[in-house]
């Protein structure tokens, strides 16, 4: 059940930039005076700092939103860079959806809008045979899909949207991220096919950012979005 306005962000694959998109939207909302909360339920491949596991993804989200990074914003920190279910098995940890949903409930009580970022794609296992899609459905949040721009993205994006709909998850739309300055035919034609075959609108095509850090990329994209005339429409579609 949806507790407060928010979105669940998934990717069509790992490495498509869903953390950048999640952090950028968090930064944009903060710039516009929205009290936004963030949650990265499970992070695999965490680094160790001062003897503690650290999620760089969760840190980026929290930095963008201007909120502290704690065990509610990053409930499960896992060592190995594997699917969370397997990483949790190796660490001797059980990923409990009830705990994640309790974290979501606490964060929803503190913020006016919540962004939850999944791990990898929808069918990535989080606990046993329970997947990111199962968590997305239980969260009650509508889904925003992040896709890459190049060859193969039509298939991945359409399949993601179709699986989500089959499971009863509301799909808001697709963001094509990291669009190259010099786009080829594959990139130029992808958006139209994704909309037709996936049955979900492409809500934005975000350009590649040539920056030295992920946070610089987030700030650059947030400033770019903040100056666009269609950003108000995007935020309304997201429920802001």
C-alpha atoms as a PDB file:
ATOM      1  CA  UNK A   1       0.000   0.000   0.000  1.00  0.00           C
ATOM      2  CA  UNK A   2       1.338   3.413  -0.934  1.00  0.00           C
ATOM      3  CA  UNK A   3       1.958   5.445   2.194  1.00  0.00           C
ATOM      4  CA  UNK A   4       2.792   8.821   0.670  1.00  0.00           C
ATOM      5  CA  UNK A   5       3.656  10.123  -2.797  1.00  0.00           C
ATOM      6  CA  UNK A   6       6.804   8.576  -4.192  1.00  0.00           C
ATOM      7  CA  UNK A   7       8.320   6.407  -6.908  1.00  0.00           C
ATOM      8  CA  UNK A   8      10.222   3.152  -7.203  1.00  0.00           C
ATOM      9  CA  UNK A   9      13.109   3.400  -9.676  1.00  0.00           C
ATOM     10  CA  UNK A  10      14.392   0.331 -11.480  1.00  0.00           C
ATOM     11  CA  UNK A  11      16.800  -0.206 -14.356  1.00  0.00           C
ATOM     12  CA  UNK A  12      16.624  -2.346 -17.450  1.00  0.00           C
ATOM     13  CA  UNK A  13      19.980  -3.786 -16.358  1.00  0.00           C
ATOM     14  CA  UNK A  14      22.804  -3.097 -13.963  1.00  0.00           C
ATOM     15  CA  UNK A  15      24.977  -0.094 -14.785  1.00  0.00           C
ATOM     16  CA  UNK A  16      22.350   1.878 -16.731  1.00  0.00           C
ATOM     17  CA  UNK A  17      22.549   4.829 -14.344  1.00  0.00           C
ATOM     18  CA  UNK A  18      19.473   4.378 -12.160  1.00  0.00           C
ATOM     19  CA  UNK A  19      21.364   5.740  -9.138  1.00  0.00           C
ATOM     20  CA  UNK A  20      22.272   8.867 -11.116  1.00  0.00           C
ATOM     21  CA  UNK A  21      18.631   9.286 -12.146  1.00  0.00           C
ATOM     22  CA  UNK A  22      17.391   8.631  -8.608  1.00  0.00           C
ATOM     23  CA  UNK A  23      19.874  11.103  -7.132  1.00  0.00           C
ATOM     24  CA  UNK A  24      19.170  13.709  -9.818  1.00  0.00           C
ATOM     25  CA  UNK A  25      15.440  13.630  -9.147  1.00  0.00           C
ATOM     26  CA  UNK A  26      16.158  13.834  -5.416  1.00  0.00           C
ATOM     27  CA  UNK A  27      18.406  16.853  -5.991  1.00  0.00           C
ATOM     28  CA  UNK A  28      15.868  18.517  -8.278  1.00  0.00           C
ATOM     29  CA  UNK A  29      13.070  18.097  -5.752  1.00  0.00           C
ATOM     30  CA  UNK A  30      15.259  19.459  -2.980  1.00  0.00           C
ATOM     31  CA  UNK A  31      16.102  22.480  -5.168  1.00  0.00           C
ATOM     32  CA  UNK A  32      12.367  23.080  -5.533  1.00  0.00           C
ATOM     33  CA  UNK A  33      11.715  22.946  -1.823  1.00  0.00           C
ATOM     34  CA  UNK A  34      10.313  19.422  -1.589  1.00  0.00           C
ATOM     35  CA  UNK A  35      11.098  17.439   1.553  1.00  0.00           C
ATOM     36  CA  UNK A  36      12.308  14.305  -0.249  1.00  0.00           C
ATOM     37  CA  UNK A  37      13.427  11.056   1.332  1.00  0.00           C
ATOM     38  CA  UNK A  38      15.443   8.251  -0.249  1.00  0.00           C
ATOM     39  CA  UNK A  39      15.927   4.542   0.342  1.00  0.00           C
ATOM     40  CA  UNK A  40      18.267   2.001  -1.240  1.00  0.00           C
ATOM     41  CA  UNK A  41      16.928  -1.251   0.237  1.00  0.00           C
ATOM     42  CA  UNK A  42      19.847  -3.518  -0.676  1.00  0.00           C
ATOM     43  CA  UNK A  43      23.327  -2.732  -1.947  1.00  0.00           C
ATOM     44  CA  UNK A  44      25.726  -5.455  -3.081  1.00  0.00           C
ATOM     45  CA  UNK A  45      29.464  -4.951  -3.418  1.00  0.00           C
ATOM     46  CA  UNK A  46      29.726  -2.425  -0.605  1.00  0.00           C
ATOM     47  CA  UNK A  47      33.150  -1.092   0.278  1.00  0.00           C
ATOM     48  CA  UNK A  48      34.620  -1.266   3.770  1.00  0.00           C
ATOM     49  CA  UNK A  49      35.451   1.960   5.582  1.00  0.00           C
ATOM     50  CA  UNK A  50      36.682   1.968   9.191  1.00  0.00           C
ATOM     51  CA  UNK A  51      35.521  -1.604   9.527  1.00  0.00           C
ATOM     52  CA  UNK A  52      31.992  -0.827   8.349  1.00  0.00           C
ATOM     53  CA  UNK A  53      30.238  -1.607   5.064  1.00  0.00           C
ATOM     54  CA  UNK A  54      29.329   1.501   3.084  1.00  0.00           C
ATOM     55  CA  UNK A  55      26.891   1.872   0.183  1.00  0.00           C
ATOM     56  CA  UNK A  56      28.177   4.496  -2.230  1.00  0.00           C
ATOM     57  CA  UNK A  57      24.800   4.428  -3.991  1.00  0.00           C
ATOM     58  CA  UNK A  58      22.963   5.235  -0.761  1.00  0.00           C
ATOM     59  CA  UNK A  59      25.494   7.944   0.090  1.00  0.00           C
ATOM     60  CA  UNK A  60      24.956   9.605  -3.289  1.00  0.00           C
ATOM     61  CA  UNK A  61      21.173   9.498  -2.879  1.00  0.00           C
ATOM     62  CA  UNK A  62      21.373  10.975   0.613  1.00  0.00           C
ATOM     63  CA  UNK A  63      23.835  13.673  -0.424  1.00  0.00           C
ATOM     64  CA  UNK A  64      21.555  14.688  -3.276  1.00  0.00           C
ATOM     65  CA  UNK A  65      18.462  14.756  -1.065  1.00  0.00           C
ATOM     66  CA  UNK A  66      20.259  16.446   1.830  1.00  0.00           C
ATOM     67  CA  UNK A  67      19.361  13.742   4.357  1.00  0.00           C
ATOM     68  CA  UNK A  68      21.469  11.575   6.685  1.00  0.00           C
ATOM     69  CA  UNK A  69      22.496   8.115   5.522  1.00  0.00           C
ATOM     70  CA  UNK A  70      21.398   5.571   8.109  1.00  0.00           C
ATOM     71  CA  UNK A  71      19.998   2.054   8.460  1.00  0.00           C
ATOM     72  CA  UNK A  72      16.587   3.186   7.221  1.00  0.00           C
ATOM     73  CA  UNK A  73      17.964   4.716   4.024  1.00  0.00           C
ATOM     74  CA  UNK A  74      20.273   1.710   3.490  1.00  0.00           C
ATOM     75  CA  UNK A  75      18.797  -1.307   5.314  1.00  0.00           C
ATOM     76  CA  UNK A  76      20.935  -4.064   3.790  1.00  0.00           C
ATOM     77  CA  UNK A  77      24.643  -3.648   3.077  1.00  0.00           C
ATOM     78  CA  UNK A  78      26.201  -6.686   1.406  1.00  0.00           C
ATOM     79  CA  UNK A  79      29.815  -7.523   0.696  1.00  0.00           C
ATOM     80  CA  UNK A  80      29.983  -9.359  -2.615  1.00  0.00           C
ATOM     81  CA  UNK A  81      29.126  -7.688  -5.978  1.00  0.00           C
ATOM     82  CA  UNK A  82      26.437 -10.261  -6.753  1.00  0.00           C
ATOM     83  CA  UNK A  83      22.659 -10.445  -6.915  1.00  0.00           C
ATOM     84  CA  UNK A  84      21.506  -9.404  -3.419  1.00  0.00           C
ATOM     85  CA  UNK A  85      19.991 -12.805  -2.613  1.00  0.00           C
ATOM     86  CA  UNK A  86      23.314 -14.528  -3.297  1.00  0.00           C
ATOM     87  CA  UNK A  87      25.386 -11.805  -1.629  1.00  0.00           C
ATOM     88  CA  UNK A  88      23.135 -12.068   1.435  1.00  0.00           C
ATOM     89  CA  UNK A  89      23.513 -15.851   1.504  1.00  0.00           C
ATOM     90  CA  UNK A  90      27.302 -15.526   1.520  1.00  0.00           C
ATOM     91  CA  UNK A  91      27.163 -12.887   4.276  1.00  0.00           C
ATOM     92  CA  UNK A  92      24.750 -14.982   6.321  1.00  0.00           C
ATOM     93  CA  UNK A  93      22.066 -12.317   6.121  1.00  0.00           C
ATOM     94  CA  UNK A  94      18.347 -12.710   5.440  1.00  0.00           C
ATOM     95  CA  UNK A  95      16.840  -9.885   3.377  1.00  0.00           C
ATOM     96  CA  UNK A  96      13.399  -9.442   4.922  1.00  0.00           C
ATOM     97  CA  UNK A  97      10.838  -7.462   2.964  1.00  0.00           C
ATOM     98  CA  UNK A  98       8.995  -6.714   6.213  1.00  0.00           C
ATOM     99  CA  UNK A  99      12.061  -4.836   7.471  1.00  0.00           C
ATOM    100  CA  UNK A 100      12.420  -2.865   4.222  1.00  0.00           C
ATOM    101  CA  UNK A 101       8.743  -1.902   4.301  1.00  0.00           C
ATOM    102  CA  UNK A 102       9.095  -0.810   7.937  1.00  0.00           C
ATOM    103  CA  UNK A 103      12.004   1.436   6.887  1.00  0.00           C
ATOM    104  CA  UNK A 104       9.828   2.790   4.072  1.00  0.00           C
ATOM    105  CA  UNK A 105       7.031   3.551   6.531  1.00  0.00           C
ATOM    106  CA  UNK A 106       9.336   5.435   8.890  1.00  0.00           C
ATOM    107  CA  UNK A 107      10.856   7.470   6.065  1.00  0.00           C
ATOM    108  CA  UNK A 108       7.432   8.235   4.604  1.00  0.00           C
ATOM    109  CA  UNK A 109       6.430   9.702   7.964  1.00  0.00           C
ATOM    110  CA  UNK A 110       9.416  12.073   7.846  1.00  0.00           C
ATOM    111  CA  UNK A 111       9.228  13.202   4.220  1.00  0.00           C
ATOM    112  CA  UNK A 112       6.656  14.440   1.708  1.00  0.00           C
ATOM    113  CA  UNK A 113       7.992  12.381  -1.205  1.00  0.00           C
ATOM    114  CA  UNK A 114      10.012   9.159  -1.215  1.00  0.00           C
ATOM    115  CA  UNK A 115      12.339   7.735  -3.858  1.00  0.00           C
ATOM    116  CA  UNK A 116      13.152   4.037  -3.556  1.00  0.00           C
ATOM    117  CA  UNK A 117      15.878   2.641  -5.811  1.00  0.00           C
ATOM    118  CA  UNK A 118      16.015  -1.055  -6.607  1.00  0.00           C
ATOM    119  CA  UNK A 119      19.016  -3.234  -7.385  1.00  0.00           C
ATOM    120  CA  UNK A 120      19.787  -4.097 -11.002  1.00  0.00           C
ATOM    121  CA  UNK A 121      16.605  -4.919 -12.895  1.00  0.00           C
ATOM    122  CA  UNK A 122      13.136  -6.094 -11.899  1.00  0.00           C
ATOM    123  CA  UNK A 123      13.890  -9.811 -11.924  1.00  0.00           C
ATOM    124  CA  UNK A 124      17.012  -9.593  -9.760  1.00  0.00           C
ATOM    125  CA  UNK A 125      16.519 -11.859  -6.705  1.00  0.00           C
ATOM    126  CA  UNK A 126      16.532 -10.086  -3.347  1.00  0.00           C
ATOM    127  CA  UNK A 127      15.622 -12.945  -1.036  1.00  0.00           C
ATOM    128  CA  UNK A 128      15.289 -16.529  -2.211  1.00  0.00           C
ATOM    129  CA  UNK A 129      12.978 -16.341  -5.218  1.00  0.00           C
ATOM    130  CA  UNK A 130      11.561 -12.936  -4.233  1.00  0.00           C
ATOM    131  CA  UNK A 131      12.646 -10.292  -6.707  1.00  0.00           C
ATOM    132  CA  UNK A 132      12.968  -6.533  -7.023  1.00  0.00           C
ATOM    133  CA  UNK A 133       9.597  -6.632  -8.798  1.00  0.00           C
ATOM    134  CA  UNK A 134       8.000  -8.255  -5.750  1.00  0.00           C
ATOM    135  CA  UNK A 135       9.376  -5.490  -3.542  1.00  0.00           C
ATOM    136  CA  UNK A 136       8.224  -2.797  -5.974  1.00  0.00           C
ATOM    137  CA  UNK A 137       4.697  -4.191  -5.871  1.00  0.00           C
ATOM    138  CA  UNK A 138       4.649  -4.450  -2.069  1.00  0.00           C
ATOM    139  CA  UNK A 139       5.971  -0.897  -1.709  1.00  0.00           C
ATOM    140  CA  UNK A 140       2.848   0.452  -3.406  1.00  0.00           C
ATOM    141  CA  UNK A 141       4.975   2.925  -5.351  1.00  0.00           C
ATOM    142  CA  UNK A 142       4.586   3.457  -9.097  1.00  0.00           C
ATOM    143  CA  UNK A 143       7.534   2.435 -11.237  1.00  0.00           C
ATOM    144  CA  UNK A 144       9.968   4.607 -13.193  1.00  0.00           C
ATOM    145  CA  UNK A 145      12.236   2.636 -15.534  1.00  0.00           C
ATOM    146  CA  UNK A 146      15.763   3.792 -16.388  1.00  0.00           C
ATOM    147  CA  UNK A 147      17.106   2.556 -19.729  1.00  0.00           C
ATOM    148  CA  UNK A 148      20.347   2.921 -21.626  1.00  0.00           C
ATOM    149  CA  UNK A 149      20.240   4.584 -25.057  1.00  0.00           C
ATOM    150  CA  UNK A 150      22.108   2.165 -27.328  1.00  0.00           C
ATOM    151  CA  UNK A 151      21.450  -1.015 -29.301  1.00  0.00           C
ATOM    152  CA  UNK A 152      19.478  -3.582 -27.288  1.00  0.00           C
ATOM    153  CA  UNK A 153      17.637  -1.081 -25.129  1.00  0.00           C
ATOM    154  CA  UNK A 154      14.306  -1.523 -26.938  1.00  0.00           C
ATOM    155  CA  UNK A 155      14.119  -5.186 -25.935  1.00  0.00           C
ATOM    156  CA  UNK A 156      15.263  -4.596 -22.351  1.00  0.00           C
ATOM    157  CA  UNK A 157      12.976  -1.616 -21.747  1.00  0.00           C
ATOM    158  CA  UNK A 158       9.906  -3.201 -23.343  1.00  0.00           C
ATOM    159  CA  UNK A 159      10.376  -6.439 -21.391  1.00  0.00           C
ATOM    160  CA  UNK A 160      10.789  -4.523 -18.131  1.00  0.00           C
ATOM    161  CA  UNK A 161       7.591  -2.551 -18.681  1.00  0.00           C
ATOM    162  CA  UNK A 162       5.621  -5.613 -19.737  1.00  0.00           C
ATOM    163  CA  UNK A 163       6.750  -7.721 -16.755  1.00  0.00           C
ATOM    164  CA  UNK A 164       5.875  -4.886 -14.363  1.00  0.00           C
ATOM    165  CA  UNK A 165       2.391  -4.530 -15.833  1.00  0.00           C
ATOM    166  CA  UNK A 166       1.861  -8.293 -15.758  1.00  0.00           C
ATOM    167  CA  UNK A 167       2.614  -8.205 -12.024  1.00  0.00           C
ATOM    168  CA  UNK A 168       0.152  -5.379 -11.443  1.00  0.00           C
ATOM    169  CA  UNK A 169       2.751  -2.634 -10.967  1.00  0.00           C
ATOM    170  CA  UNK A 170       1.858   0.817 -12.272  1.00  0.00           C
ATOM    171  CA  UNK A 171       4.497   1.997 -14.763  1.00  0.00           C
ATOM    172  CA  UNK A 172       4.809   5.781 -14.984  1.00  0.00           C
ATOM    173  CA  UNK A 173       7.292   5.759 -17.834  1.00  0.00           C
ATOM    174  CA  UNK A 174      10.884   5.433 -18.973  1.00  0.00           C
ATOM    175  CA  UNK A 175      13.922   7.707 -18.695  1.00  0.00           C
ATOM    176  CA  UNK A 176      16.617   7.092 -21.303  1.00  0.00           C
ATOM    177  CA  UNK A 177      19.854   7.987 -19.551  1.00  0.00           C
ATOM    178  CA  UNK A 178      23.378   8.826 -20.695  1.00  0.00           C
ATOM    179  CA  UNK A 179      22.365   9.785 -24.229  1.00  0.00           C
ATOM    180  CA  UNK A 180      25.482  10.449 -26.333  1.00  0.00           C
ATOM    181  CA  UNK A 181      26.268  13.801 -27.901  1.00  0.00           C
ATOM    182  CA  UNK A 182      26.633  12.129 -31.282  1.00  0.00           C
ATOM    183  CA  UNK A 183      23.782   9.642 -31.422  1.00  0.00           C
ATOM    184  CA  UNK A 184      23.642   6.870 -33.996  1.00  0.00           C
ATOM    185  CA  UNK A 185      20.578   5.410 -35.660  1.00  0.00           C
ATOM    186  CA  UNK A 186      20.012   2.947 -32.811  1.00  0.00           C
ATOM    187  CA  UNK A 187      19.823   5.736 -30.216  1.00  0.00           C
ATOM    188  CA  UNK A 188      17.712   7.989 -32.411  1.00  0.00           C
ATOM    189  CA  UNK A 189      15.041   5.351 -33.030  1.00  0.00           C
ATOM    190  CA  UNK A 190      14.885   3.700 -29.593  1.00  0.00           C
ATOM    191  CA  UNK A 191      12.413   6.000 -27.824  1.00  0.00           C
ATOM    192  CA  UNK A 192       9.589   5.525 -30.299  1.00  0.00           C
ATOM    193  CA  UNK A 193       9.845   1.750 -30.251  1.00  0.00           C
ATOM    194  CA  UNK A 194      10.047   1.640 -26.448  1.00  0.00           C
ATOM    195  CA  UNK A 195       6.794   3.570 -26.192  1.00  0.00           C
ATOM    196  CA  UNK A 196       4.977   1.383 -28.713  1.00  0.00           C
ATOM    197  CA  UNK A 197       6.281  -2.007 -27.578  1.00  0.00           C
ATOM    198  CA  UNK A 198       6.543  -1.312 -23.854  1.00  0.00           C
ATOM    199  CA  UNK A 199       3.304   0.636 -23.617  1.00  0.00           C
ATOM    200  CA  UNK A 200       4.899   3.312 -21.443  1.00  0.00           C
ATOM    201  CA  UNK A 201       5.857   6.873 -22.350  1.00  0.00           C
ATOM    202  CA  UNK A 202       9.467   7.999 -22.574  1.00  0.00           C
ATOM    203  CA  UNK A 203       9.488  10.853 -20.057  1.00  0.00           C
ATOM    204  CA  UNK A 204      12.960  12.109 -20.784  1.00  0.00           C
ATOM    205  CA  UNK A 205      16.181  11.591 -22.688  1.00  0.00           C
ATOM    206  CA  UNK A 206      18.989  12.670 -20.396  1.00  0.00           C
ATOM    207  CA  UNK A 207      22.359  13.601 -21.900  1.00  0.00           C
ATOM    208  CA  UNK A 208      25.717  12.086 -21.002  1.00  0.00           C
ATOM    209  CA  UNK A 209      27.578  14.118 -18.392  1.00  0.00           C
ATOM    210  CA  UNK A 210      31.343  14.490 -18.775  1.00  0.00           C
ATOM    211  CA  UNK A 211      32.171  15.122 -15.122  1.00  0.00           C
ATOM    212  CA  UNK A 212      34.807  13.941 -12.670  1.00  0.00           C
ATOM    213  CA  UNK A 213      32.398  12.640 -10.029  1.00  0.00           C
ATOM    214  CA  UNK A 214      28.919  11.181  -9.852  1.00  0.00           C
ATOM    215  CA  UNK A 215      27.723  14.019  -7.627  1.00  0.00           C
ATOM    216  CA  UNK A 216      28.925  16.564 -10.189  1.00  0.00           C
ATOM    217  CA  UNK A 217      26.925  14.671 -12.813  1.00  0.00           C
ATOM    218  CA  UNK A 218      23.869  14.749 -10.543  1.00  0.00           C
ATOM    219  CA  UNK A 219      24.190  18.489  -9.933  1.00  0.00           C
ATOM    220  CA  UNK A 220      24.678  19.170 -13.639  1.00  0.00           C
ATOM    221  CA  UNK A 221      21.630  17.127 -14.623  1.00  0.00           C
ATOM    222  CA  UNK A 222      19.493  18.679 -11.886  1.00  0.00           C
ATOM    223  CA  UNK A 223      20.398  22.184 -13.056  1.00  0.00           C
ATOM    224  CA  UNK A 224      19.662  21.179 -16.648  1.00  0.00           C
ATOM    225  CA  UNK A 225      16.257  19.801 -15.685  1.00  0.00           C
ATOM    226  CA  UNK A 226      15.439  22.774 -13.491  1.00  0.00           C
ATOM    227  CA  UNK A 227      15.842  25.089 -16.477  1.00  0.00           C
ATOM    228  CA  UNK A 228      13.636  23.085 -18.854  1.00  0.00           C
ATOM    229  CA  UNK A 229      10.064  24.118 -19.592  1.00  0.00           C
ATOM    230  CA  UNK A 230       8.802  20.519 -19.521  1.00  0.00           C
ATOM    231  CA  UNK A 231      10.175  19.641 -16.079  1.00  0.00           C
ATOM    232  CA  UNK A 232       6.994  20.734 -14.296  1.00  0.00           C
ATOM    233  CA  UNK A 233       5.058  18.232 -16.416  1.00  0.00           C
ATOM    234  CA  UNK A 234       7.578  15.499 -15.562  1.00  0.00           C
ATOM    235  CA  UNK A 235       7.271  16.149 -11.837  1.00  0.00           C
ATOM    236  CA  UNK A 236       3.484  16.133 -12.030  1.00  0.00           C
ATOM    237  CA  UNK A 237       3.598  12.729 -13.721  1.00  0.00           C
ATOM    238  CA  UNK A 238       5.858  11.489 -10.917  1.00  0.00           C
ATOM    239  CA  UNK A 239       3.287  12.655  -8.379  1.00  0.00           C
ATOM    240  CA  UNK A 240       5.089  15.744  -7.113  1.00  0.00           C
END
